[in-house]
């Protein structure tokens, strides 16, 4: 009896182990099908010996999740991902993306039972290039895949033309920075070839390559800009307004969730609008939005990496203002009726009101004049005291919007201003008067110059008489000599 019971227990244990083995899955039990290559297409997973499409368990599938799966598939970086919505439902494996990592097995985050769903995940990974250990999916150490292995590219074999092709292949924007990579734990072998690109290639491996002549290798690091997928609308400027994002080909507002705030500095930088000045959650009627997964967002991260690929309905959106939201003012000069000069400051219409400051620089002084903007323009008469001098002008426009003061300065206008006719005539009159005065002095001296010899003679005679008188009569007779002289 004991033997029978023991055998039954062992049989049950064997059955459980077999079931556990059937439920297990290796990292290689995922695949992408229907795409241009094995690194693109619809995501499928094998569980219980059954391949099924994959869908997310909640609304939190994002590009970072896709990047982890690209790494598991031994592909490159995640270029794009989307949720495909079909017309009919089918059995799928549901994934809890909160546990997805590049070093985790699929069984750690897949549902035990299949679910009926009309949607599934589609991913596109780069096939032969990737960026490793970067702060975003568009930055990191450059690696190339060839002969079924990944190699580190050396600094001397990779230039700006290569970077243009590389960034485009990753679905990123134009290259921003190319430098020596300062990343540790480099295990990939060195790439032994040098690329020759013409910048119009679709992939880096489409470029010609030659054996490299280098003796040492410094891994190259690359930072690409983010793709053109964010914008600010309705704020009077491309640098202010409601934040919108383009995902899966659709522009939608971004939900005003707390996690978005961490990515705003990169948004303003991506738009070349300076830094974030203000952000405010706005409430409206519920509408379809792209929502950020707040628990995943990190400071300084790219917004698109943590956006849910499945839109949802929300009554909130985000109003953002960046520092460079104003146009640059324009400055011009024209003559006025009274022979002064009219300096005009103007700016393209954005916001009503505001005022202009005209800053006048000379070699020794700086003066500022202020006027309200009327029709986005202000006029200043050229100060007459500056005639005949080198003068520089600049217009500065100031306005208070989005609960902050903003200003923008025009280019510098430099002028050498000739003197006005009034000043010229005045100076000519002074010169003429001075000439007449000098002429009068000259002729007066000339008229009196002929009498000076006789006078000198008389003076000399007087001196002689004075000496004689001193000799004969003493100092008491000096007055009589002087009187005789006069």
Protein backbone atom coordinates (compact mmCIF):
# COMPACT_ATOMS: atom_id res chain seq x y z
CA UNK A 1 0.00 0.00 0.00
CA UNK A 2 2.82 2.38 0.88
CA UNK A 3 4.54 1.56 -2.38
CA UNK A 4 1.39 2.39 -4.32
CA UNK A 5 1.00 5.70 -2.44
CA UNK A 6 4.65 6.57 -3.00
CA UNK A 7 4.35 5.82 -6.70
CA UNK A 8 1.23 7.97 -6.94
CA UNK A 9 3.03 10.91 -5.27
CA UNK A 10 6.02 10.56 -7.58
CA UNK A 11 3.69 10.47 -10.56
CA UNK A 12 1.98 13.68 -9.43
CA UNK A 13 5.32 15.39 -8.89
CA UNK A 14 6.48 14.31 -12.35
CA UNK A 15 3.25 15.65 -13.80
CA UNK A 16 3.70 19.00 -12.10
CA UNK A 17 7.30 19.22 -13.29
CA UNK A 18 6.22 18.41 -16.81
CA UNK A 19 3.51 21.06 -16.67
CA UNK A 20 5.99 23.59 -15.29
CA UNK A 21 8.39 22.73 -18.08
CA UNK A 22 5.66 23.19 -20.66
CA UNK A 23 4.78 26.54 -19.14
CA UNK A 24 8.39 27.70 -19.18
CA UNK A 25 9.79 29.71 -22.06
CA UNK A 26 13.27 30.71 -23.01
CA UNK A 27 14.14 34.26 -24.09
CA UNK A 28 14.27 32.97 -27.65
CA UNK A 29 10.55 32.11 -27.55
CA UNK A 30 9.54 35.50 -28.94
CA UNK A 31 9.59 36.61 -32.54
CA UNK A 32 8.55 39.36 -34.92
CA UNK A 33 6.67 38.23 -38.01
CA UNK A 34 5.30 39.93 -41.12
CA UNK A 35 7.97 42.62 -41.29
CA UNK A 36 10.79 43.36 -43.71
CA UNK A 37 13.20 41.24 -41.64
CA UNK A 38 13.38 39.30 -38.38
CA UNK A 39 13.74 42.59 -36.46
CA UNK A 40 10.38 44.03 -37.55
CA UNK A 41 6.76 42.91 -37.46
CA UNK A 42 4.01 41.75 -35.16
CA UNK A 43 5.21 40.44 -31.79
CA UNK A 44 4.44 36.80 -31.02
CA UNK A 45 5.32 34.67 -28.00
CA UNK A 46 5.46 30.93 -27.52
CA UNK A 47 3.86 29.65 -24.34
CA UNK A 48 2.49 26.13 -23.65
CA UNK A 49 3.99 25.24 -27.02
CA UNK A 50 1.61 27.69 -28.65
CA UNK A 51 2.59 30.81 -30.63
CA UNK A 52 0.15 33.70 -30.17
CA UNK A 53 0.21 37.47 -30.77
CA UNK A 54 1.09 39.68 -27.81
CA UNK A 55 -0.95 42.50 -26.31
CA UNK A 56 -0.34 44.65 -23.24
CA UNK A 57 -2.15 43.86 -20.02
CA UNK A 58 -2.96 47.52 -19.42
CA UNK A 59 -2.43 50.85 -21.18
CA UNK A 60 1.30 50.98 -20.48
CA UNK A 61 3.14 49.59 -23.52
CA UNK A 62 5.83 52.08 -24.50
CA UNK A 63 8.98 52.42 -26.58
CA UNK A 64 11.25 51.46 -23.67
CA UNK A 65 9.36 48.18 -23.35
CA UNK A 66 9.90 47.59 -27.05
CA UNK A 67 13.61 48.40 -26.69
CA UNK A 68 13.99 45.65 -24.06
CA UNK A 69 12.38 43.11 -26.40
CA UNK A 70 14.57 44.26 -29.31
CA UNK A 71 17.56 43.48 -27.13
CA UNK A 72 16.17 40.02 -26.32
CA UNK A 73 15.76 39.36 -30.05
CA UNK A 74 19.42 40.31 -30.55
CA UNK A 75 18.30 43.20 -32.72
CA UNK A 76 19.36 46.82 -32.45
CA UNK A 77 17.56 49.81 -30.97
CA UNK A 78 13.77 50.24 -30.95
CA UNK A 79 12.92 52.44 -33.92
CA UNK A 80 9.12 52.48 -33.46
CA UNK A 81 6.24 50.54 -31.96
CA UNK A 82 2.47 50.66 -32.19
CA UNK A 83 -0.71 48.92 -31.12
CA UNK A 84 -2.57 47.40 -34.05
CA UNK A 85 -6.36 47.35 -33.65
CA UNK A 86 -8.13 44.68 -35.68
CA UNK A 87 -11.79 44.21 -36.59
CA UNK A 88 -12.13 40.88 -34.82
CA UNK A 89 -10.95 39.42 -31.53
CA UNK A 90 -8.41 36.65 -31.19
CA UNK A 91 -6.56 34.84 -28.44
CA UNK A 92 -3.40 36.66 -27.39
CA UNK A 93 -0.82 36.52 -24.62
CA UNK A 94 -1.10 39.51 -22.34
CA UNK A 95 2.13 41.10 -21.04
CA UNK A 96 2.60 43.05 -17.83
CA UNK A 97 5.12 45.60 -19.07
CA UNK A 98 6.10 46.79 -15.57
CA UNK A 99 8.40 43.74 -15.31
CA UNK A 100 9.83 43.76 -18.82
CA UNK A 101 13.63 44.03 -18.93
CA UNK A 102 16.17 43.10 -21.55
CA UNK A 103 17.61 40.47 -19.21
CA UNK A 104 14.28 38.92 -18.11
CA UNK A 105 12.58 35.84 -19.57
CA UNK A 106 9.10 36.24 -21.11
CA UNK A 107 7.52 33.95 -18.49
CA UNK A 108 8.27 36.60 -15.88
CA UNK A 109 5.77 39.03 -17.34
CA UNK A 110 3.31 37.09 -19.51
CA UNK A 111 -0.19 36.10 -18.39
CA UNK A 112 -0.82 32.44 -17.56
CA UNK A 113 -3.92 32.20 -19.71
CA UNK A 114 -4.59 33.65 -23.15
CA UNK A 115 -7.12 36.47 -23.48
CA UNK A 116 -9.38 37.55 -26.27
CA UNK A 117 -8.33 40.88 -27.75
CA UNK A 118 -8.73 42.83 -30.97
CA UNK A 119 -5.32 44.50 -30.62
CA UNK A 120 -1.70 43.38 -30.75
CA UNK A 121 1.79 44.87 -30.61
CA UNK A 122 3.97 45.66 -33.61
CA UNK A 123 7.65 46.58 -33.21
CA UNK A 124 10.37 47.77 -35.56
CA UNK A 125 13.95 47.34 -34.32
CA UNK A 126 17.07 48.39 -36.18
CA UNK A 127 18.62 45.32 -37.72
CA UNK A 128 22.32 46.10 -37.83
CA UNK A 129 23.06 49.21 -35.70
CA UNK A 130 22.38 50.26 -32.14
CA UNK A 131 23.33 52.72 -29.41
CA UNK A 132 24.34 51.22 -26.08
CA UNK A 133 24.36 52.63 -22.52
CA UNK A 134 22.96 56.03 -23.47
CA UNK A 135 20.63 58.27 -21.49
CA UNK A 136 18.02 58.09 -24.27
CA UNK A 137 17.30 55.73 -27.15
CA UNK A 138 19.00 58.27 -29.42
CA UNK A 139 22.32 58.40 -27.56
CA UNK A 140 25.03 55.98 -26.54
CA UNK A 141 28.01 54.01 -27.77
CA UNK A 142 27.94 53.10 -31.47
CA UNK A 143 27.78 49.38 -32.29
CA UNK A 144 27.37 47.55 -35.60
CA UNK A 145 26.16 43.98 -36.15
CA UNK A 146 27.90 41.82 -38.71
CA UNK A 147 28.58 38.09 -38.93
CA UNK A 148 25.98 37.45 -36.19
CA UNK A 149 27.82 39.53 -33.58
CA UNK A 150 27.90 43.14 -32.36
CA UNK A 151 31.11 45.18 -32.67
CA UNK A 152 32.13 48.54 -31.20
CA UNK A 153 32.92 51.19 -33.82
CA UNK A 154 36.18 53.10 -33.32
CA UNK A 155 36.37 56.87 -33.25
CA UNK A 156 38.73 57.22 -36.23
CA UNK A 157 36.47 55.15 -38.48
CA UNK A 158 33.27 57.13 -37.91
CA UNK A 159 32.61 60.76 -38.88
CA UNK A 160 29.70 63.18 -39.25
CA UNK A 161 28.53 61.71 -42.57
CA UNK A 162 28.30 58.29 -40.97
CA UNK A 163 26.39 59.82 -38.05
CA UNK A 164 23.78 61.27 -40.45
CA UNK A 165 23.02 57.80 -41.84
CA UNK A 166 23.21 56.16 -38.41
CA UNK A 167 20.72 58.54 -36.74
CA UNK A 168 18.30 58.22 -39.65
CA UNK A 169 18.43 54.43 -39.47
CA UNK A 170 17.47 54.58 -35.77
CA UNK A 171 14.46 56.80 -36.45
CA UNK A 172 16.10 59.71 -34.61
CA UNK A 173 16.71 63.27 -35.77
CA UNK A 174 19.93 64.84 -37.02
CA UNK A 175 23.18 64.14 -35.12
CA UNK A 176 23.98 66.58 -32.33
CA UNK A 177 27.26 65.37 -30.86
CA UNK A 178 29.99 63.00 -31.89
CA UNK A 179 32.67 62.24 -29.33
CA UNK A 180 34.78 59.59 -27.70
CA UNK A 181 32.55 57.25 -25.72
CA UNK A 182 33.12 57.27 -21.98
CA UNK A 183 31.26 54.08 -21.20
CA UNK A 184 32.57 51.24 -19.07
CA UNK A 185 32.20 47.46 -19.42
CA UNK A 186 32.80 47.38 -23.16
CA UNK A 187 32.66 43.72 -24.10
CA UNK A 188 31.90 43.85 -27.81
CA UNK A 189 34.84 43.32 -30.20
CA UNK A 190 36.16 46.18 -32.29
CA UNK A 191 34.77 46.90 -35.75
CA UNK A 192 37.74 46.45 -38.08
CA UNK A 193 36.50 48.49 -41.05
CA UNK A 194 36.15 52.14 -41.99
CA UNK A 195 32.90 53.40 -43.51
CA UNK A 196 32.62 55.66 -46.57
CA UNK A 197 29.13 57.23 -46.67
CA UNK A 198 27.60 59.79 -49.02
CA UNK A 199 24.79 60.64 -46.50
CA UNK A 200 22.00 59.40 -48.81
CA UNK A 201 22.22 55.75 -47.75
CA UNK A 202 19.25 54.17 -45.93
CA UNK A 203 21.40 52.10 -43.57
CA UNK A 204 24.99 52.29 -42.39
CA UNK A 205 25.83 48.92 -43.94
CA UNK A 206 24.79 50.35 -47.31
CA UNK A 207 27.89 52.55 -47.12
CA UNK A 208 31.14 51.35 -48.61
CA UNK A 209 33.59 49.93 -46.08
CA UNK A 210 37.31 49.30 -46.16
CA UNK A 211 39.81 47.70 -43.84
CA UNK A 212 40.85 50.23 -41.23
CA UNK A 213 44.50 51.24 -40.94
CA UNK A 214 44.29 52.27 -37.28
CA UNK A 215 46.38 50.71 -34.54
CA UNK A 216 44.27 51.68 -31.52
CA UNK A 217 40.53 51.96 -30.93
CA UNK A 218 38.64 54.55 -28.94
CA UNK A 219 34.90 53.68 -28.95
CA UNK A 220 32.80 56.45 -30.46
CA UNK A 221 29.75 57.92 -28.73
CA UNK A 222 26.89 59.55 -30.61
CA UNK A 223 23.98 61.76 -29.60
CA UNK A 224 21.18 62.20 -32.14
CA UNK A 225 18.37 64.71 -31.80
CA UNK A 226 14.85 63.50 -31.13
CA UNK A 227 12.56 63.05 -34.16
CA UNK A 228 10.22 65.87 -35.11
CA UNK A 229 7.27 64.54 -33.11
CA UNK A 230 6.40 67.26 -30.57
CA UNK A 231 4.87 70.71 -31.00
CA UNK A 232 3.21 73.52 -29.04
CA UNK A 233 0.00 74.88 -30.58
CA UNK A 234 -2.49 77.66 -29.89
CA UNK A 235 -0.15 79.86 -27.85
CA UNK A 236 0.70 82.54 -30.41
CA UNK A 237 4.17 81.10 -30.90
CA UNK A 238 5.77 77.79 -31.82
CA UNK A 239 7.45 77.98 -28.38
CA UNK A 240 4.25 78.24 -26.37
CA UNK A 241 0.88 76.52 -26.26
CA UNK A 242 -0.73 73.13 -25.77
CA UNK A 243 1.72 70.24 -25.91
CA UNK A 244 0.98 67.76 -28.69
CA UNK A 245 2.82 64.64 -29.80
CA UNK A 246 2.82 62.56 -32.97
CA UNK A 247 2.70 58.81 -32.39
CA UNK A 248 1.76 56.17 -34.92
CA UNK A 249 1.19 58.94 -37.44
CA UNK A 250 -1.41 60.81 -35.33
CA UNK A 251 -1.05 64.19 -33.58
CA UNK A 252 -2.86 64.28 -30.22
CA UNK A 253 -2.66 66.43 -27.09
CA UNK A 254 -0.54 65.06 -24.27
CA UNK A 255 -2.34 64.23 -21.04
CA UNK A 256 -1.50 66.68 -18.28
CA UNK A 257 -0.05 64.00 -16.01
CA UNK A 258 2.67 64.65 -13.48
CA UNK A 259 5.21 62.48 -15.28
CA UNK A 260 5.20 64.77 -18.32
CA UNK A 261 6.86 67.56 -16.32
CA UNK A 262 10.09 65.55 -16.06
CA UNK A 263 10.48 65.54 -19.83
CA UNK A 264 9.58 69.18 -20.53
CA UNK A 265 13.19 70.53 -20.51
CA UNK A 266 13.98 68.20 -23.39
CA UNK A 267 10.80 69.29 -25.20
CA UNK A 268 11.82 72.97 -25.22
CA UNK A 269 15.34 72.00 -26.21
CA UNK A 270 14.05 69.75 -28.98
CA UNK A 271 11.98 72.64 -30.37
CA UNK A 272 15.02 74.97 -30.12
CA UNK A 273 13.00 77.21 -27.84
CA UNK A 274 15.42 77.58 -24.94
CA UNK A 275 14.35 76.43 -21.50
CA UNK A 276 11.02 75.81 -19.76
CA UNK A 277 9.54 78.95 -18.21
CA UNK A 278 6.09 77.75 -17.18
CA UNK A 279 3.76 74.76 -17.43
CA UNK A 280 0.13 74.52 -16.43
CA UNK A 281 -2.46 71.76 -16.49
CA UNK A 282 -5.55 72.88 -18.42
CA UNK A 283 -9.00 71.29 -18.09
CA UNK A 284 -11.43 70.82 -20.96
CA UNK A 285 -13.93 68.29 -22.26
CA UNK A 286 -12.55 64.72 -22.37
CA UNK A 287 -10.78 63.89 -25.62
CA UNK A 288 -8.39 61.33 -27.04
CA UNK A 289 -4.85 62.03 -25.83
CA UNK A 290 -1.43 60.45 -25.64
CA UNK A 291 -0.63 59.68 -22.05
CA UNK A 292 2.72 59.37 -20.35
CA UNK A 293 3.32 56.45 -17.97
CA UNK A 294 4.24 58.51 -14.93
CA UNK A 295 5.81 55.67 -12.99
CA UNK A 296 8.37 55.14 -15.75
CA UNK A 297 9.24 58.72 -16.68
CA UNK A 298 12.67 59.97 -15.68
CA UNK A 299 14.10 63.48 -15.48
CA UNK A 300 15.88 64.45 -18.68
CA UNK A 301 14.32 61.56 -20.60
CA UNK A 302 12.77 61.82 -24.04
CA UNK A 303 8.99 62.14 -23.77
CA UNK A 304 8.23 59.62 -26.54
CA UNK A 305 10.04 56.82 -24.72
CA UNK A 306 7.51 56.71 -21.87
CA UNK A 307 4.31 57.49 -23.73
CA UNK A 308 1.65 54.81 -23.84
CA UNK A 309 1.25 53.54 -27.37
CA UNK A 310 -2.48 53.20 -26.75
CA UNK A 311 -4.31 56.56 -26.52
CA UNK A 312 -6.88 57.18 -23.81
CA UNK A 313 -9.52 59.77 -22.97
CA UNK A 314 -8.68 62.59 -20.60
CA UNK A 315 -10.12 66.01 -19.63
CA UNK A 316 -6.65 67.52 -19.09
CA UNK A 317 -3.81 68.69 -21.27
CA UNK A 318 -0.64 70.67 -20.67
CA UNK A 319 0.08 74.29 -21.56
CA UNK A 320 3.80 75.02 -21.85
CA UNK A 321 5.80 78.20 -22.39
CA UNK A 322 9.50 78.13 -23.30
CA UNK A 323 11.90 81.03 -22.85
CA UNK A 324 12.34 81.85 -26.56
CA UNK A 325 8.67 82.24 -27.41
CA UNK A 326 8.94 85.76 -28.90
CA UNK A 327 9.92 86.65 -32.43
CA UNK A 328 12.99 88.83 -32.83
CA UNK A 329 12.04 92.53 -33.18
CA UNK A 330 12.94 94.44 -36.34
CA UNK A 331 14.65 97.85 -36.37
CA UNK A 332 14.73 100.37 -39.23
CA UNK A 333 15.60 104.03 -39.80
CA UNK A 334 14.13 106.67 -42.11
CA UNK A 335 14.44 110.49 -42.38
CA UNK A 336 11.68 112.58 -40.85
CA UNK A 337 10.25 115.93 -41.98
CA UNK A 338 12.32 117.98 -39.52
CA UNK A 339 15.59 116.45 -40.79
CA UNK A 340 15.96 114.26 -37.73
CA UNK A 341 15.85 110.48 -38.11
CA UNK A 342 12.94 108.21 -37.27
CA UNK A 343 13.89 104.89 -35.63
CA UNK A 344 11.12 102.27 -35.93
CA UNK A 345 10.85 99.19 -33.70
CA UNK A 346 8.36 96.50 -34.72
CA UNK A 347 7.59 92.83 -34.14
CA UNK A 348 5.42 90.23 -35.85
CA UNK A 349 1.96 90.04 -34.24
CA UNK A 350 1.82 87.46 -31.46
CA UNK A 351 0.35 89.01 -28.32
CA UNK A 352 -1.45 92.35 -27.82
CA UNK A 353 0.26 95.11 -25.88
CA UNK A 354 3.81 95.20 -24.65
CA UNK A 355 6.34 98.00 -25.03
CA UNK A 356 9.62 98.75 -26.78
CA UNK A 357 12.88 100.06 -25.46
CA UNK A 358 15.24 101.81 -27.84
CA UNK A 359 18.82 101.54 -26.58
CA UNK A 360 21.24 104.10 -28.06
CA UNK A 361 24.96 103.42 -27.69
CA UNK A 362 27.79 105.81 -28.45
CA UNK A 363 31.46 105.43 -27.64
CA UNK A 364 30.95 107.07 -24.26
CA UNK A 365 27.24 106.98 -23.38
CA UNK A 366 24.19 104.73 -23.34
CA UNK A 367 20.63 106.07 -23.36
CA UNK A 368 17.32 104.21 -23.20
CA UNK A 369 13.94 105.42 -24.49
CA UNK A 370 10.64 103.61 -23.84
CA UNK A 371 7.32 103.63 -25.72
CA UNK A 372 4.23 101.45 -25.71
CA UNK A 373 3.73 99.19 -28.70
CA UNK A 374 0.87 100.45 -30.88
CA UNK A 375 0.01 97.97 -33.58
CA UNK A 376 3.15 96.04 -32.59
CA UNK A 377 5.25 99.11 -33.52
CA UNK A 378 6.87 102.11 -31.84
CA UNK A 379 8.64 105.14 -33.40
CA UNK A 380 11.51 107.13 -31.88
CA UNK A 381 12.93 110.41 -33.22
CA UNK A 382 16.69 110.45 -33.48
CA UNK A 383 18.10 112.66 -30.68
CA UNK A 384 19.66 115.74 -32.35
CA UNK A 385 22.51 115.75 -29.84
CA UNK A 386 23.99 112.72 -31.57
CA UNK A 387 24.58 114.37 -34.96
CA UNK A 388 28.00 113.79 -36.41
CA UNK A 389 28.80 110.74 -34.26
CA UNK A 390 28.93 106.93 -34.62
CA UNK A 391 25.77 105.57 -32.99
CA UNK A 392 24.45 102.02 -32.42
CA UNK A 393 20.78 101.21 -31.89
CA UNK A 394 18.89 98.18 -30.61
CA UNK A 395 15.19 97.54 -30.01
CA UNK A 396 14.05 95.39 -27.08
CA UNK A 397 10.43 94.20 -26.92
CA UNK A 398 8.91 93.38 -23.52
CA UNK A 399 5.56 91.72 -22.71
CA UNK A 400 3.89 89.91 -19.83
CA UNK A 401 2.20 86.63 -20.88
CA UNK A 402 1.78 83.16 -19.37
CA UNK A 403 2.28 84.75 -15.93
CA UNK A 404 5.87 85.72 -16.80
CA UNK A 405 7.82 88.62 -18.30
CA UNK A 406 9.37 87.90 -21.69
CA UNK A 407 11.71 90.01 -23.79
CA UNK A 408 13.42 89.78 -27.16
CA UNK A 409 16.15 91.97 -28.65
CA UNK A 410 16.70 93.01 -32.26
CA UNK A 411 19.92 93.00 -34.18
CA UNK A 412 22.27 95.94 -33.74
CA UNK A 413 21.91 98.88 -36.15
CA UNK A 414 25.11 100.93 -36.56
CA UNK A 415 25.11 104.36 -38.22
CA UNK A 416 27.52 107.22 -38.79
CA UNK A 417 25.16 110.18 -38.67
CA UNK A 418 26.19 113.33 -40.58
CA UNK A 419 25.48 116.73 -39.06
CA UNK A 420 22.16 118.40 -39.92
CA UNK A 421 22.03 121.56 -42.14
CA UNK A 422 21.29 123.77 -39.12
CA UNK A 423 24.37 122.50 -37.39
CA UNK A 424 26.42 122.92 -40.58
CA UNK A 425 25.29 126.57 -41.07
CA UNK A 426 25.89 127.33 -37.42
CA UNK A 427 29.38 125.94 -37.63
CA UNK A 428 30.05 127.83 -40.88
CA UNK A 429 28.86 131.05 -39.24
CA UNK A 430 31.16 130.52 -36.30
CA UNK A 431 34.06 129.79 -38.61
CA UNK A 432 33.34 132.93 -40.68
CA UNK A 433 33.11 135.10 -37.55
CA UNK A 434 36.38 133.68 -36.28
CA UNK A 435 38.01 134.33 -39.66
CA UNK A 436 36.85 137.97 -39.66
CA UNK A 437 38.06 138.44 -36.10
CA UNK A 438 41.48 137.02 -36.94
CA UNK A 439 41.63 139.18 -40.08
CA UNK A 440 40.88 142.30 -38.06
CA UNK A 441 43.65 141.47 -35.62
CA UNK A 442 46.02 140.79 -38.49
CA UNK A 443 45.36 144.14 -40.25
CA UNK A 444 45.52 146.01 -36.94
CA UNK A 445 48.94 144.55 -36.23
CA UNK A 446 50.05 145.32 -39.75
CA UNK A 447 48.89 148.94 -39.41
CA UNK A 448 50.76 149.45 -36.14
CA UNK A 449 53.87 147.50 -37.17
CA UNK A 450 55.27 150.56 -39.18
CA UNK A 451 55.31 152.80 -36.07
CA UNK A 452 57.19 150.34 -33.92
CA UNK A 453 60.73 151.19 -35.26
CA UNK A 454 60.34 154.96 -34.29
CA UNK A 455 58.90 154.01 -31.01
CA UNK A 456 61.71 151.62 -30.39
CA UNK A 457 64.09 154.34 -31.33
CA UNK A 458 62.40 156.70 -28.95
CA UNK A 459 62.50 154.02 -26.34
CA UNK A 460 66.16 153.56 -27.00
CA UNK A 461 66.69 157.28 -26.97
CA UNK A 462 64.77 157.62 -23.82
CA UNK A 463 66.91 154.90 -22.37
CA UNK A 464 70.00 156.77 -23.48
CA UNK A 465 68.62 160.03 -22.05
CA UNK A 466 67.73 158.23 -18.90
CA UNK A 467 71.24 156.87 -18.58
CA UNK A 468 72.72 160.29 -19.17
CA UNK A 469 70.40 161.86 -16.65
CA UNK A 470 71.31 159.20 -14.15
CA UNK A 471 74.91 159.88 -14.73
CA UNK A 472 74.59 163.65 -14.47
CA UNK A 473 71.71 164.38 -12.14
CA UNK A 474 71.04 161.13 -10.31
CA UNK A 475 67.78 159.09 -9.82
CA UNK A 476 65.84 162.21 -8.83
CA UNK A 477 65.70 163.48 -12.48
CA UNK A 478 64.02 160.11 -13.86
CA UNK A 479 60.50 161.56 -13.84
CA UNK A 480 61.58 164.49 -15.98
CA UNK A 481 63.16 162.17 -18.53
CA UNK A 482 60.09 160.04 -18.72
CA UNK A 483 57.88 163.03 -19.20
CA UNK A 484 60.20 164.27 -22.01
CA UNK A 485 59.80 160.85 -23.61
CA UNK A 486 56.06 160.95 -23.54
